[in-house]
PDB file of all heavy atoms in Angstrom:
ATOM      1  N   THR A   1     -22.306  29.417 -27.339  1.00  0.00           N
ATOM      2  CA  THR A   1     -22.141  28.176 -28.045  1.00  0.00           C
ATOM      3  C   THR A   1     -20.718  27.600 -27.947  1.00  0.00           C
ATOM      4  O   THR A   1     -20.581  26.390 -27.671  1.00  0.00           O
ATOM      5  CB  THR A   1     -22.549  28.351 -29.537  1.00  0.00           C
ATOM      6  OG1 THR A   1     -23.903  28.815 -29.585  1.00  0.00           O
ATOM      7  CG2 THR A   1     -22.492  27.001 -30.232  1.00  0.00           C
ATOM      8  N   PRO A   2     -19.664  28.385 -28.105  1.00  0.00           N
ATOM      9  CA  PRO A   2     -18.316  27.798 -27.996  1.00  0.00           C
ATOM     10  C   PRO A   2     -18.032  27.250 -26.669  1.00  0.00           C
ATOM     11  O   PRO A   2     -17.490  26.157 -26.496  1.00  0.00           O
ATOM     12  CB  PRO A   2     -17.355  28.974 -28.288  1.00  0.00           C
ATOM     13  CG  PRO A   2     -18.195  29.987 -29.088  1.00  0.00           C
ATOM     14  CD  PRO A   2     -19.616  29.807 -28.571  1.00  0.00           C
ATOM     15  N   PHE A   3     -18.470  27.962 -25.607  1.00  0.00           N
ATOM     16  CA  PHE A   3     -18.270  27.470 -24.260  1.00  0.00           C
ATOM     17  C   PHE A   3     -19.057  26.158 -23.972  1.00  0.00           C
ATOM     18  O   PHE A   3     -18.505  25.247 -23.341  1.00  0.00           O
ATOM     19  CB  PHE A   3     -18.651  28.559 -23.225  1.00  0.00           C
ATOM     20  CG  PHE A   3     -18.008  28.356 -21.879  1.00  0.00           C
ATOM     21  CD1 PHE A   3     -16.686  28.712 -21.633  1.00  0.00           C
ATOM     22  CD2 PHE A   3     -18.747  27.762 -20.868  1.00  0.00           C
ATOM     23  CE1 PHE A   3     -16.147  28.523 -20.367  1.00  0.00           C
ATOM     24  CE2 PHE A   3     -18.189  27.519 -19.655  1.00  0.00           C
ATOM     25  CZ  PHE A   3     -16.892  27.913 -19.375  1.00  0.00           C
ATOM     26  N   GLN A   4     -20.207  26.119 -24.471  1.00  0.00           N
ATOM     27  CA  GLN A   4     -21.048  24.917 -24.312  1.00  0.00           C
ATOM     28  C   GLN A   4     -20.427  23.735 -25.028  1.00  0.00           C
ATOM     29  O   GLN A   4     -20.399  22.607 -24.562  1.00  0.00           O
ATOM     30  CB  GLN A   4     -22.465  25.119 -24.833  1.00  0.00           C
ATOM     31  CG  GLN A   4     -23.263  26.152 -24.019  1.00  0.00           C
ATOM     32  CD  GLN A   4     -23.451  25.741 -22.579  1.00  0.00           C
ATOM     33  OE1 GLN A   4     -23.664  24.583 -22.295  1.00  0.00           O
ATOM     34  NE2 GLN A   4     -23.423  26.709 -21.679  1.00  0.00           N
ATOM     35  N   TRP A   5     -19.768  23.970 -26.247  1.00  0.00           N
ATOM     36  CA  TRP A   5     -19.108  22.928 -26.923  1.00  0.00           C
ATOM     37  C   TRP A   5     -17.906  22.398 -26.186  1.00  0.00           C
ATOM     38  O   TRP A   5     -17.688  21.208 -26.071  1.00  0.00           O
ATOM     39  CB  TRP A   5     -18.702  23.431 -28.348  1.00  0.00           C
ATOM     40  CG  TRP A   5     -18.009  22.403 -29.156  1.00  0.00           C
ATOM     41  CD1 TRP A   5     -18.612  21.439 -29.915  1.00  0.00           C
ATOM     42  CD2 TRP A   5     -16.581  22.181 -29.283  1.00  0.00           C
ATOM     43  NE1 TRP A   5     -17.663  20.653 -30.459  1.00  0.00           N
ATOM     44  CE2 TRP A   5     -16.424  21.096 -30.113  1.00  0.00           C
ATOM     45  CE3 TRP A   5     -15.454  22.870 -28.794  1.00  0.00           C
ATOM     46  CZ2 TRP A   5     -15.168  20.629 -30.436  1.00  0.00           C
ATOM     47  CZ3 TRP A   5     -14.231  22.378 -29.104  1.00  0.00           C
ATOM     48  CH2 TRP A   5     -14.087  21.288 -29.944  1.00  0.00           C
ATOM     49  N   VAL A   6     -17.130  23.333 -25.642  1.00  0.00           N
ATOM     50  CA  VAL A   6     -15.920  22.904 -24.847  1.00  0.00           C
ATOM     51  C   VAL A   6     -16.388  22.110 -23.621  1.00  0.00           C
ATOM     52  O   VAL A   6     -15.790  21.091 -23.288  1.00  0.00           O
ATOM     53  CB  VAL A   6     -15.134  24.166 -24.414  1.00  0.00           C
ATOM     54  CG1 VAL A   6     -14.072  23.814 -23.353  1.00  0.00           C
ATOM     55  CG2 VAL A   6     -14.485  24.803 -25.626  1.00  0.00           C
ATOM     56  N   ARG A   7     -17.431  22.488 -22.979  1.00  0.00           N
ATOM     57  CA  ARG A   7     -17.941  21.762 -21.801  1.00  0.00           C
ATOM     58  C   ARG A   7     -18.392  20.375 -22.197  1.00  0.00           C
ATOM     59  O   ARG A   7     -18.154  19.397 -21.542  1.00  0.00           O
ATOM     60  CB  ARG A   7     -19.109  22.524 -21.195  1.00  0.00           C
ATOM     61  CG  ARG A   7     -19.602  21.825 -19.913  1.00  0.00           C
ATOM     62  CD  ARG A   7     -20.709  22.575 -19.293  1.00  0.00           C
ATOM     63  NE  ARG A   7     -20.207  23.835 -18.719  1.00  0.00           N
ATOM     64  CZ  ARG A   7     -20.964  24.840 -18.316  1.00  0.00           C
ATOM     65  NH1 ARG A   7     -22.259  24.735 -18.354  1.00  0.00           N
ATOM     66  NH2 ARG A   7     -20.416  25.931 -17.811  1.00  0.00           N
ATOM     67  N   ALA A   8     -19.058  20.242 -23.357  1.00  0.00           N
ATOM     68  CA  ALA A   8     -19.538  18.975 -23.851  1.00  0.00           C
ATOM     69  C   ALA A   8     -18.378  18.045 -24.189  1.00  0.00           C
ATOM     70  O   ALA A   8     -18.350  16.843 -23.848  1.00  0.00           O
ATOM     71  CB  ALA A   8     -20.416  19.133 -25.072  1.00  0.00           C
ATOM     72  N   VAL A   9     -17.341  18.592 -24.799  1.00  0.00           N
ATOM     73  CA  VAL A   9     -16.156  17.805 -25.141  1.00  0.00           C
ATOM     74  C   VAL A   9     -15.430  17.311 -23.885  1.00  0.00           C
ATOM     75  O   VAL A   9     -15.033  16.133 -23.762  1.00  0.00           O
ATOM     76  CB  VAL A   9     -15.202  18.562 -26.112  1.00  0.00           C
ATOM     77  CG1 VAL A   9     -13.862  17.878 -26.239  1.00  0.00           C
ATOM     78  CG2 VAL A   9     -15.822  18.777 -27.428  1.00  0.00           C
ATOM     79  N   ALA A  10     -15.277  18.204 -22.934  1.00  0.00           N
ATOM     80  CA  ALA A  10     -14.667  17.850 -21.625  1.00  0.00           C
ATOM     81  C   ALA A  10     -15.398  16.740 -20.945  1.00  0.00           C
ATOM     82  O   ALA A  10     -14.851  15.811 -20.396  1.00  0.00           O
ATOM     83  CB  ALA A  10     -14.506  19.063 -20.759  1.00  0.00           C
ATOM     84  N   THR A  11     -16.715  16.900 -20.910  1.00  0.00           N
ATOM     85  CA  THR A  11     -17.570  15.861 -20.229  1.00  0.00           C
ATOM     86  C   THR A  11     -17.482  14.489 -20.959  1.00  0.00           C
ATOM     87  O   THR A  11     -17.384  13.452 -20.335  1.00  0.00           O
ATOM     88  CB  THR A  11     -19.046  16.344 -20.243  1.00  0.00           C
ATOM     89  OG1 THR A  11     -19.142  17.587 -19.575  1.00  0.00           O
ATOM     90  CG2 THR A  11     -19.963  15.290 -19.570  1.00  0.00           C
ATOM     91  N   ALA A  12     -17.436  14.539 -22.323  1.00  0.00           N
ATOM     92  CA  ALA A  12     -17.302  13.323 -23.092  1.00  0.00           C
ATOM     93  C   ALA A  12     -15.919  12.653 -22.810  1.00  0.00           C
ATOM     94  O   ALA A  12     -15.845  11.430 -22.666  1.00  0.00           O
ATOM     95  CB  ALA A  12     -17.459  13.606 -24.545  1.00  0.00           C
ATOM     96  N   LEU A  13     -14.878  13.423 -22.687  1.00  0.00           N
ATOM     97  CA  LEU A  13     -13.535  12.858 -22.417  1.00  0.00           C
ATOM     98  C   LEU A  13     -13.512  12.203 -21.036  1.00  0.00           C
ATOM     99  O   LEU A  13     -12.995  11.104 -20.891  1.00  0.00           O
ATOM    100  CB  LEU A  13     -12.498  13.950 -22.495  1.00  0.00           C
ATOM    101  CG  LEU A  13     -12.099  14.374 -23.871  1.00  0.00           C
ATOM    102  CD1 LEU A  13     -11.203  15.639 -23.818  1.00  0.00           C
ATOM    103  CD2 LEU A  13     -11.397  13.273 -24.616  1.00  0.00           C
ATOM    104  N   VAL A  14     -14.081  12.880 -20.024  1.00  0.00           N
ATOM    105  CA  VAL A  14     -14.113  12.334 -18.683  1.00  0.00           C
ATOM    106  C   VAL A  14     -14.947  11.066 -18.606  1.00  0.00           C
ATOM    107  O   VAL A  14     -14.516  10.031 -18.037  1.00  0.00           O
ATOM    108  CB  VAL A  14     -14.637  13.365 -17.663  1.00  0.00           C
ATOM    109  CG1 VAL A  14     -14.914  12.721 -16.332  1.00  0.00           C
ATOM    110  CG2 VAL A  14     -13.622  14.452 -17.505  1.00  0.00           C
ATOM    111  N   SER A  15     -16.075  11.021 -19.248  1.00  0.00           N
ATOM    112  CA  SER A  15     -16.924   9.831 -19.229  1.00  0.00           C
ATOM    113  C   SER A  15     -16.226   8.707 -19.989  1.00  0.00           C
ATOM    114  O   SER A  15     -16.347   7.508 -19.592  1.00  0.00           O
ATOM    115  CB  SER A  15     -18.351  10.151 -19.753  1.00  0.00           C
ATOM    116  OG  SER A  15     -18.266  10.637 -21.072  1.00  0.00           O
ATOM    117  N   GLY A  16     -15.543   9.011 -21.050  1.00  0.00           N
ATOM    118  CA  GLY A  16     -14.813   7.991 -21.770  1.00  0.00           C
ATOM    119  C   GLY A  16     -13.749   7.368 -20.951  1.00  0.00           C
ATOM    120  O   GLY A  16     -13.491   6.148 -20.898  1.00  0.00           O
ATOM    121  N   LEU A  17     -13.016   8.209 -20.213  1.00  0.00           N
ATOM    122  CA  LEU A  17     -11.939   7.733 -19.335  1.00  0.00           C
ATOM    123  C   LEU A  17     -12.444   6.841 -18.177  1.00  0.00           C
ATOM    124  O   LEU A  17     -11.878   5.811 -17.863  1.00  0.00           O
ATOM    125  CB  LEU A  17     -11.105   8.903 -18.803  1.00  0.00           C
ATOM    126  CG  LEU A  17     -10.229   9.560 -19.845  1.00  0.00           C
ATOM    127  CD1 LEU A  17      -9.596  10.862 -19.260  1.00  0.00           C
ATOM    128  CD2 LEU A  17      -9.155   8.645 -20.336  1.00  0.00           C
ATOM    129  N   VAL A  18     -13.553   7.289 -17.614  1.00  0.00           N
ATOM    130  CA  VAL A  18     -14.157   6.531 -16.506  1.00  0.00           C
ATOM    131  C   VAL A  18     -14.662   5.173 -17.048  1.00  0.00           C
ATOM    132  O   VAL A  18     -14.453   4.173 -16.376  1.00  0.00           O
ATOM    133  CB  VAL A  18     -15.328   7.308 -15.853  1.00  0.00           C
ATOM    134  CG1 VAL A  18     -16.150   6.444 -14.916  1.00  0.00           C
ATOM    135  CG2 VAL A  18     -14.750   8.476 -15.103  1.00  0.00           C
ATOM    136  N   THR A  19     -15.287   5.180 -18.185  1.00  0.00           N
ATOM    137  CA  THR A  19     -15.756   3.913 -18.833  1.00  0.00           C
ATOM    138  C   THR A  19     -14.567   3.009 -19.103  1.00  0.00           C
ATOM    139  O   THR A  19     -14.681   1.786 -18.793  1.00  0.00           O
ATOM    140  CB  THR A  19     -16.533   4.208 -20.094  1.00  0.00           C
ATOM    141  OG1 THR A  19     -17.620   5.055 -19.795  1.00  0.00           O
ATOM    142  CG2 THR A  19     -17.007   2.901 -20.741  1.00  0.00           C
ATOM    143  N   ARG A  20     -13.525   3.550 -19.556  1.00  0.00           N
ATOM    144  CA  ARG A  20     -12.272   2.723 -19.845  1.00  0.00           C
ATOM    145  C   ARG A  20     -11.748   2.159 -18.553  1.00  0.00           C
ATOM    146  O   ARG A  20     -11.340   0.991 -18.502  1.00  0.00           O
ATOM    147  CB  ARG A  20     -11.248   3.576 -20.506  1.00  0.00           C
ATOM    148  CG  ARG A  20     -10.037   2.737 -20.893  1.00  0.00           C
ATOM    149  CD  ARG A  20      -8.999   3.638 -21.584  1.00  0.00           C
ATOM    150  NE  ARG A  20      -7.820   2.856 -21.952  1.00  0.00           N
ATOM    151  CZ  ARG A  20      -6.823   2.472 -21.156  1.00  0.00           C
ATOM    152  NH1 ARG A  20      -6.859   2.873 -19.882  1.00  0.00           N
ATOM    153  NH2 ARG A  20      -5.824   1.781 -21.539  1.00  0.00           N
ATOM    154  N   MET A  21     -11.778   2.924 -17.474  1.00  0.00           N
ATOM    155  CA  MET A  21     -11.260   2.436 -16.156  1.00  0.00           C
ATOM    156  C   MET A  21     -12.128   1.325 -15.619  1.00  0.00           C
ATOM    157  O   MET A  21     -11.636   0.385 -15.026  1.00  0.00           O
ATOM    158  CB  MET A  21     -11.194   3.566 -15.161  1.00  0.00           C
ATOM    159  CG  MET A  21     -10.032   4.495 -15.370  1.00  0.00           C
ATOM    160  SD  MET A  21     -10.061   5.936 -14.201  1.00  0.00           S
ATOM    161  CE  MET A  21     -10.236   5.130 -12.636  1.00  0.00           C
ATOM    162  N   VAL A  22     -13.439   1.443 -15.807  1.00  0.00           N
ATOM    163  CA  VAL A  22     -14.303   0.422 -15.291  1.00  0.00           C
ATOM    164  C   VAL A  22     -14.319  -0.872 -16.160  1.00  0.00           C
ATOM    165  O   VAL A  22     -14.233  -1.955 -15.623  1.00  0.00           O
ATOM    166  CB  VAL A  22     -15.771   0.947 -15.207  1.00  0.00           C
ATOM    167  CG1 VAL A  22     -16.789  -0.128 -14.875  1.00  0.00           C
ATOM    168  CG2 VAL A  22     -15.815   2.066 -14.165  1.00  0.00           C
ATOM    169  N   LEU A  23     -14.366  -0.716 -17.482  1.00  0.00           N
ATOM    170  CA  LEU A  23     -14.479  -1.874 -18.325  1.00  0.00           C
ATOM    171  C   LEU A  23     -13.125  -2.451 -18.762  1.00  0.00           C
ATOM    172  O   LEU A  23     -13.004  -3.699 -18.941  1.00  0.00           O
ATOM    173  CB  LEU A  23     -15.239  -1.510 -19.576  1.00  0.00           C
ATOM    174  CG  LEU A  23     -16.725  -1.124 -19.362  1.00  0.00           C
ATOM    175  CD1 LEU A  23     -17.382  -0.763 -20.663  1.00  0.00           C
ATOM    176  CD2 LEU A  23     -17.470  -2.195 -18.586  1.00  0.00           C
ATOM    177  N   PHE A  24     -12.093  -1.607 -18.922  1.00  0.00           N
ATOM    178  CA  PHE A  24     -10.814  -2.094 -19.377  1.00  0.00           C
ATOM    179  C   PHE A  24      -9.710  -1.523 -18.422  1.00  0.00           C
ATOM    180  O   PHE A  24      -8.957  -0.653 -18.797  1.00  0.00           O
ATOM    181  CB  PHE A  24     -10.483  -1.672 -20.802  1.00  0.00           C
ATOM    182  CG  PHE A  24     -11.584  -2.045 -21.742  1.00  0.00           C
ATOM    183  CD1 PHE A  24     -12.454  -1.129 -22.299  1.00  0.00           C
ATOM    184  CD2 PHE A  24     -11.767  -3.361 -22.144  1.00  0.00           C
ATOM    185  CE1 PHE A  24     -13.439  -1.467 -23.194  1.00  0.00           C
ATOM    186  CE2 PHE A  24     -12.751  -3.766 -23.037  1.00  0.00           C
ATOM    187  CZ  PHE A  24     -13.620  -2.756 -23.547  1.00  0.00           C
TER     188      PHE A  24
END
């Protein structure tokens, strides 16, 4: 569970940064 949580947080950060690059 802890490793899966870290992976989910890392994925969310990357997708947020990509979205920011595309939209703003």
